[in-house]
């Protein structure tokens, strides 16, 4: 399927150096902000207090978030989990305040928002221990209840950060092996440099604007890695086809033809994906906001890096027809009396 077809190849590689200088400056700026400002990690990485409450009716997430934010705990996360009635609230670390005090204040504020009052109910655990549990009461009804609360320690956050780094490294290694196996090592090097270029630029945006970096954003970064390598594979595949089909073309012409012939496909694929991501950004609410931002940045720079970074680096590494097209050698018949004769 094509919206249009360009009959004359666009000389992309003629301007490859200019595009890559711009890319290098953008990459350097992202690295600079990462080192000077650093990432603003969410409480999933830094630790904090997690509170789970259950409403008797589907919860109004925006109302709950507004109530908690007005308490001045800083940046909080309020999301549904399981069902529309279950809400998880995550608060940043407050070393000067005990966890049970924070939980009590938050539950009381949520209860007041439902026009209720907090009462302490005594219960006995299966082990025979007496436990006091706060309950929100409105007349005979109970609009919400406290399901669970726990403290997420810094060690848990450090473990998550370490596992995230392992996941990123495993993805990068897997992509390199895949490209080297399917094409050639020069394409593998070019593809991974282009993909890391996208990742660092996303992180640079989050560092500069101090947007919250959460597990959802990490998932978006890993998705961008796979998405970007898919575009590179399409272009590399066309490069291999062009080397076989156009034997009079040099490397510059082959790459220009490969990129030009995939422009229509690129517009359809990335345009459709970007519309979906923009829908999440505009209508997904705070929960999907930074996830959608990371995907938006990754998709835009992924197109750029696949065309102007990966292809150009492969060209500068000296990729040629012999790297991708195996020459067939005709074996001589030992019974042929003319075998090996020179005329």
Protein backbone atom coordinates (compact mmCIF):
# COMPACT_ATOMS: atom_id res chain seq x y z
CA UNK A 1 0.00 0.00 0.00
CA UNK A 2 1.37 3.40 -1.02
CA UNK A 3 -0.02 6.93 -0.84
CA UNK A 4 2.44 8.08 -3.47
CA UNK A 5 5.57 6.94 -5.27
CA UNK A 6 8.64 9.08 -5.84
CA UNK A 7 10.07 8.25 -9.25
CA UNK A 8 13.39 10.00 -8.74
CA UNK A 9 15.65 9.05 -5.85
CA UNK A 10 16.28 11.80 -3.29
CA UNK A 11 20.02 12.31 -2.60
CA UNK A 12 19.82 11.86 1.19
CA UNK A 13 23.42 10.70 1.56
CA UNK A 14 24.66 13.86 -0.15
CA UNK A 15 23.67 15.73 3.01
CA UNK A 16 24.48 12.93 5.46
CA UNK A 17 27.32 14.83 7.12
CA UNK A 18 25.14 17.88 7.86
CA UNK A 19 22.34 15.75 9.31
CA UNK A 20 24.75 13.78 11.47
CA UNK A 21 26.40 16.94 12.81
CA UNK A 22 22.96 18.13 13.91
CA UNK A 23 22.31 14.70 15.38
CA UNK A 24 25.62 14.73 17.25
CA UNK A 25 24.93 18.17 18.72
CA UNK A 26 21.48 17.03 19.88
CA UNK A 27 22.98 13.88 21.36
CA UNK A 28 25.72 15.89 23.14
CA UNK A 29 23.12 18.27 24.61
CA UNK A 30 21.10 15.30 25.91
CA UNK A 31 24.20 13.80 27.56
CA UNK A 32 25.06 17.18 29.08
CA UNK A 33 21.63 17.54 30.69
CA UNK A 34 21.76 13.96 31.94
CA UNK A 35 25.02 14.64 33.76
CA UNK A 36 24.18 18.14 35.02
CA UNK A 37 20.49 17.80 35.92
CA UNK A 38 19.98 14.05 36.11
CA UNK A 39 16.68 12.20 35.87
CA UNK A 40 13.76 12.93 38.17
CA UNK A 41 12.96 9.39 39.27
CA UNK A 42 9.51 8.41 40.49
CA UNK A 43 8.94 6.82 43.88
CA UNK A 44 9.14 3.42 42.20
CA UNK A 45 12.89 4.03 42.06
CA UNK A 46 13.42 6.33 45.04
CA UNK A 47 11.05 4.66 47.51
CA UNK A 48 8.01 6.03 49.34
CA UNK A 49 4.66 5.07 50.81
CA UNK A 50 2.11 2.99 48.92
CA UNK A 51 -1.56 3.17 50.00
CA UNK A 52 -4.34 1.03 48.54
CA UNK A 53 -7.96 2.04 49.12
CA UNK A 54 -11.18 0.40 47.92
CA UNK A 55 -14.27 2.46 47.05
CA UNK A 56 -17.79 1.07 47.19
CA UNK A 57 -18.49 2.68 43.80
CA UNK A 58 -16.21 3.28 40.78
CA UNK A 59 -13.59 5.75 41.96
CA UNK A 60 -13.20 9.27 40.60
CA UNK A 61 -9.45 9.22 39.99
CA UNK A 62 -9.17 12.94 39.26
CA UNK A 63 -10.98 13.83 42.49
CA UNK A 64 -8.79 11.46 44.52
CA UNK A 65 -5.63 12.85 42.92
CA UNK A 66 -6.72 16.43 43.64
CA UNK A 67 -7.40 15.65 47.31
CA UNK A 68 -3.98 14.02 47.80
CA UNK A 69 -2.08 16.71 45.88
CA UNK A 70 -3.58 19.43 48.06
CA UNK A 71 -1.94 17.82 51.10
CA UNK A 72 1.50 19.01 49.95
CA UNK A 73 3.36 15.69 49.78
CA UNK A 74 4.94 16.64 46.46
CA UNK A 75 4.50 14.61 43.30
CA UNK A 76 2.12 11.72 43.89
CA UNK A 77 0.87 8.86 41.74
CA UNK A 78 -2.82 7.93 41.81
CA UNK A 79 -3.89 5.04 39.59
CA UNK A 80 -6.52 2.34 39.32
CA UNK A 81 -5.42 -1.25 39.72
CA UNK A 82 -7.43 -4.44 39.43
CA UNK A 83 -10.89 -2.83 39.17
CA UNK A 84 -12.30 0.68 38.80
CA UNK A 85 -13.01 0.73 42.55
CA UNK A 86 -9.46 -0.02 43.67
CA UNK A 87 -7.04 2.89 43.83
CA UNK A 88 -3.32 2.90 44.52
CA UNK A 89 -1.71 6.06 45.92
CA UNK A 90 2.05 6.41 45.98
CA UNK A 91 3.70 9.18 47.96
CA UNK A 92 7.37 10.25 47.96
CA UNK A 93 9.69 9.61 50.89
CA UNK A 94 9.09 11.79 53.95
CA UNK A 95 11.76 10.77 56.48
CA UNK A 96 10.53 13.22 59.12
CA UNK A 97 7.01 11.71 59.22
CA UNK A 98 6.16 8.14 60.21
CA UNK A 99 4.40 5.95 57.70
CA UNK A 100 1.31 5.30 59.84
CA UNK A 101 0.85 9.05 60.33
CA UNK A 102 1.00 9.67 56.56
CA UNK A 103 -1.46 6.86 55.89
CA UNK A 104 -3.85 8.18 58.52
CA UNK A 105 -3.80 11.73 57.17
CA UNK A 106 -4.35 10.62 53.57
CA UNK A 107 -7.22 8.28 54.48
CA UNK A 108 -8.85 10.96 56.60
CA UNK A 109 -8.65 13.49 53.76
CA UNK A 110 -10.17 11.00 51.32
CA UNK A 111 -12.92 10.20 53.78
CA UNK A 112 -13.77 13.89 54.28
CA UNK A 113 -13.97 14.28 50.50
CA UNK A 114 -16.75 11.65 50.62
CA UNK A 115 -18.50 13.56 53.48
CA UNK A 116 -17.62 10.82 55.93
CA UNK A 117 -15.86 10.48 59.26
CA UNK A 118 -13.06 8.14 60.24
CA UNK A 119 -13.73 5.58 62.97
CA UNK A 120 -11.33 3.03 64.43
CA UNK A 121 -12.60 -0.55 64.24
CA UNK A 122 -10.98 -3.30 66.25
CA UNK A 123 -10.47 -6.71 64.64
CA UNK A 124 -8.66 -9.89 65.52
CA UNK A 125 -6.22 -11.53 63.11
CA UNK A 126 -6.11 -15.33 62.59
CA UNK A 127 -3.04 -15.32 64.84
CA UNK A 128 -5.12 -13.85 67.69
CA UNK A 129 -3.66 -10.32 67.53
CA UNK A 130 -5.91 -7.30 68.05
CA UNK A 131 -5.62 -4.80 65.19
CA UNK A 132 -7.12 -1.32 64.92
CA UNK A 133 -8.17 -0.37 61.38
CA UNK A 134 -9.51 3.03 60.25
CA UNK A 135 -12.91 2.97 58.54
CA UNK A 136 -14.73 5.72 56.69
CA UNK A 137 -18.39 5.89 57.69
CA UNK A 138 -21.27 7.91 56.20
CA UNK A 139 -24.37 6.99 58.17
CA UNK A 140 -24.69 3.24 57.71
CA UNK A 141 -22.60 3.20 54.52
CA UNK A 142 -18.86 2.78 54.05
CA UNK A 143 -17.84 4.70 50.90
CA UNK A 144 -14.21 3.61 51.04
CA UNK A 145 -11.92 1.38 53.06
CA UNK A 146 -8.19 1.05 53.55
CA UNK A 147 -7.02 -2.15 51.87
CA UNK A 148 -3.28 -2.03 52.45
CA UNK A 149 -0.37 0.30 53.11
CA UNK A 150 3.35 -0.34 52.88
CA UNK A 151 6.67 1.44 52.82
CA UNK A 152 8.75 1.09 49.67
CA UNK A 153 12.35 1.32 50.85
CA UNK A 154 15.22 2.86 48.87
CA UNK A 155 16.78 -0.59 48.46
CA UNK A 156 13.75 -1.74 46.47
CA UNK A 157 14.06 1.31 44.24
CA UNK A 158 17.77 0.65 43.71
CA UNK A 159 16.99 -2.93 42.74
CA UNK A 160 14.41 -1.72 40.22
CA UNK A 161 16.94 0.71 38.72
CA UNK A 162 19.51 -2.09 38.42
CA UNK A 163 17.00 -4.42 36.77
CA UNK A 164 16.02 -1.61 34.39
CA UNK A 165 19.65 -1.21 33.34
CA UNK A 166 19.92 -4.97 32.79
CA UNK A 167 16.75 -4.93 30.68
CA UNK A 168 18.11 -2.09 28.54
CA UNK A 169 21.48 -3.83 28.09
CA UNK A 170 19.82 -7.14 27.17
CA UNK A 171 17.66 -5.38 24.58
CA UNK A 172 20.66 -3.64 23.02
CA UNK A 173 22.68 -6.88 22.83
CA UNK A 174 19.72 -8.75 21.36
CA UNK A 175 19.24 -6.11 18.66
CA UNK A 176 22.93 -6.19 17.72
CA UNK A 177 22.95 -10.00 17.42
CA UNK A 178 19.77 -9.94 15.34
CA UNK A 179 21.09 -7.32 12.89
CA UNK A 180 24.49 -9.03 12.62
CA UNK A 181 22.82 -12.38 11.91
CA UNK A 182 20.27 -11.05 9.42
CA UNK A 183 22.49 -8.56 7.59
CA UNK A 184 26.13 -7.80 8.40
CA UNK A 185 28.12 -6.50 11.39
CA UNK A 186 28.41 -3.01 9.86
CA UNK A 187 24.63 -2.73 9.86
CA UNK A 188 24.54 -4.04 13.43
CA UNK A 189 26.92 -1.30 14.61
CA UNK A 190 25.03 1.37 12.64
CA UNK A 191 21.65 0.21 13.93
CA UNK A 192 22.63 0.09 17.59
CA UNK A 193 24.26 3.53 17.45
CA UNK A 194 21.07 4.92 15.93
CA UNK A 195 18.91 3.20 18.56
CA UNK A 196 21.03 4.40 21.47
CA UNK A 197 20.88 7.87 19.92
CA UNK A 198 17.07 7.74 20.28
CA UNK A 199 17.21 6.48 23.87
CA UNK A 200 19.71 9.11 25.04
CA UNK A 201 17.69 11.92 23.43
CA UNK A 202 14.51 10.74 25.21
CA UNK A 203 16.39 10.68 28.52
CA UNK A 204 17.83 14.11 27.72
CA UNK A 205 14.35 15.57 27.30
CA UNK A 206 13.27 14.07 30.64
CA UNK A 207 16.40 15.42 32.33
CA UNK A 208 16.08 18.95 30.90
CA UNK A 209 12.38 19.36 31.72
CA UNK A 210 12.66 17.27 34.92
CA UNK A 211 9.72 15.13 33.90
CA UNK A 212 9.07 12.17 36.16
CA UNK A 213 10.87 9.01 35.03
CA UNK A 214 8.77 6.00 36.06
CA UNK A 215 8.51 2.35 35.11
CA UNK A 216 5.93 3.30 32.47
CA UNK A 217 8.47 5.63 30.86
CA UNK A 218 11.08 2.87 30.99
CA UNK A 219 8.61 0.61 29.17
CA UNK A 220 8.21 3.33 26.53
CA UNK A 221 11.99 3.57 26.10
CA UNK A 222 12.26 -0.19 25.54
CA UNK A 223 9.34 -0.01 23.09
CA UNK A 224 11.11 2.76 21.17
CA UNK A 225 14.20 0.55 20.86
CA UNK A 226 12.17 -2.16 19.15
CA UNK A 227 10.20 0.34 17.09
CA UNK A 228 13.30 2.13 15.84
CA UNK A 229 15.14 -1.07 14.91
CA UNK A 230 12.11 -2.13 12.88
CA UNK A 231 12.46 0.97 10.69
CA UNK A 232 16.19 0.34 10.33
CA UNK A 233 15.55 -3.28 9.28
CA UNK A 234 13.12 -2.14 6.58
CA UNK A 235 15.70 0.26 5.13
CA UNK A 236 18.54 -2.28 5.42
CA UNK A 237 16.38 -4.85 3.64
CA UNK A 238 15.78 -2.45 0.77
CA UNK A 239 19.51 -1.74 0.63
CA UNK A 240 20.21 -5.44 0.19
CA UNK A 241 17.54 -5.73 -2.51
CA UNK A 242 18.91 -2.69 -4.34
CA UNK A 243 22.44 -4.09 -4.30
CA UNK A 244 21.12 -7.23 -6.03
CA UNK A 245 18.89 -5.41 -8.49
CA UNK A 246 20.95 -2.37 -9.49
CA UNK A 247 24.47 -3.61 -10.13
CA UNK A 248 25.62 -0.31 -11.66
CA UNK A 249 24.68 1.71 -8.54
CA UNK A 250 27.34 2.69 -6.05
CA UNK A 251 26.72 2.58 -2.28
CA UNK A 252 25.42 6.18 -2.13
CA UNK A 253 22.90 5.55 -4.87
CA UNK A 254 21.76 2.24 -3.40
CA UNK A 255 21.06 3.79 0.03
CA UNK A 256 19.31 6.81 -1.52
CA UNK A 257 17.09 4.46 -3.54
CA UNK A 258 16.33 2.31 -0.47
CA UNK A 259 15.28 5.29 1.64
CA UNK A 260 13.26 6.93 -1.17
CA UNK A 261 11.36 3.71 -1.92
CA UNK A 262 10.29 3.35 1.73
CA UNK A 263 9.09 6.93 2.31
CA UNK A 264 5.44 6.16 1.57
CA UNK A 265 5.52 3.15 3.90
CA UNK A 266 7.22 5.24 6.59
CA UNK A 267 4.54 7.95 6.44
CA UNK A 268 1.71 5.40 6.68
CA UNK A 269 3.27 3.38 9.53
CA UNK A 270 4.59 6.19 11.67
CA UNK A 271 1.65 8.47 10.99
CA UNK A 272 -0.82 5.82 12.19
CA UNK A 273 1.27 5.05 15.27
CA UNK A 274 1.72 8.72 16.10
CA UNK A 275 -2.04 9.35 15.94
CA UNK A 276 -2.60 6.58 18.48
CA UNK A 277 0.14 7.92 20.76
CA UNK A 278 -1.21 11.47 20.52
CA UNK A 279 -4.63 10.13 21.54
CA UNK A 280 -3.04 8.67 24.68
CA UNK A 281 -1.25 11.96 25.30
CA UNK A 282 -4.39 14.07 24.97
CA UNK A 283 -7.01 11.77 26.49
CA UNK A 284 -5.06 9.24 28.56
CA UNK A 285 -4.84 11.43 31.65
CA UNK A 286 -1.89 11.83 34.03
CA UNK A 287 -1.27 8.08 34.22
CA UNK A 288 -0.30 7.81 30.53
CA UNK A 289 1.00 11.37 30.08
CA UNK A 290 4.76 10.82 30.35
CA UNK A 291 4.50 7.38 28.75
CA UNK A 292 2.95 9.00 25.67
CA UNK A 293 5.49 11.84 25.68
CA UNK A 294 8.38 9.36 25.67
CA UNK A 295 6.80 7.44 22.78
CA UNK A 296 6.17 10.66 20.82
CA UNK A 297 9.80 11.77 21.14
CA UNK A 298 11.03 8.26 20.35
CA UNK A 299 8.91 7.87 17.21
CA UNK A 300 9.94 11.26 15.78
CA UNK A 301 13.63 10.78 16.44
CA UNK A 302 13.39 7.11 15.46
CA UNK A 303 12.44 8.07 11.91
CA UNK A 304 15.28 10.59 11.80
CA UNK A 305 17.90 8.20 13.17
CA UNK A 306 16.93 5.30 10.90
CA UNK A 307 17.22 7.44 7.78
CA UNK A 308 20.03 9.86 8.54
CA UNK A 309 22.04 8.14 11.28
CA UNK A 310 21.90 4.38 10.74
CA UNK A 311 22.11 4.50 6.95
CA UNK A 312 24.90 7.10 6.96
CA UNK A 313 27.00 5.21 9.52
CA UNK A 314 26.63 1.99 7.54
CA UNK A 315 27.83 3.87 4.47
CA UNK A 316 30.83 5.34 6.31
CA UNK A 317 31.73 1.91 7.68
CA UNK A 318 32.17 0.83 4.07
CA UNK A 319 29.21 -1.46 3.45
CA UNK A 320 29.33 -2.80 -0.10
CA UNK A 321 27.62 -5.26 -2.40
CA UNK A 322 29.93 -8.12 -1.45
CA UNK A 323 28.89 -7.79 2.22
CA UNK A 324 25.25 -8.55 1.47
CA UNK A 325 25.16 -10.46 -1.82
CA UNK A 326 26.95 -13.79 -1.84
CA UNK A 327 28.65 -14.50 -5.11
CA UNK A 328 27.84 -17.90 -6.58
CA UNK A 329 30.90 -19.83 -7.72
CA UNK A 330 30.41 -22.22 -10.66
CA UNK A 331 32.14 -25.50 -9.94
CA UNK A 332 34.08 -27.11 -12.80
CA UNK A 333 33.26 -30.58 -14.02
CA UNK A 334 36.33 -32.80 -13.50
CA UNK A 335 35.36 -34.88 -16.59
CA UNK A 336 35.28 -31.84 -18.86
CA UNK A 337 38.41 -31.94 -21.06
CA UNK A 338 38.30 -28.15 -21.43
CA UNK A 339 38.15 -27.52 -17.65
CA UNK A 340 40.86 -25.12 -16.59
CA UNK A 341 41.93 -24.41 -20.19
CA UNK A 342 43.00 -20.89 -21.01
CA UNK A 343 42.18 -19.52 -24.44
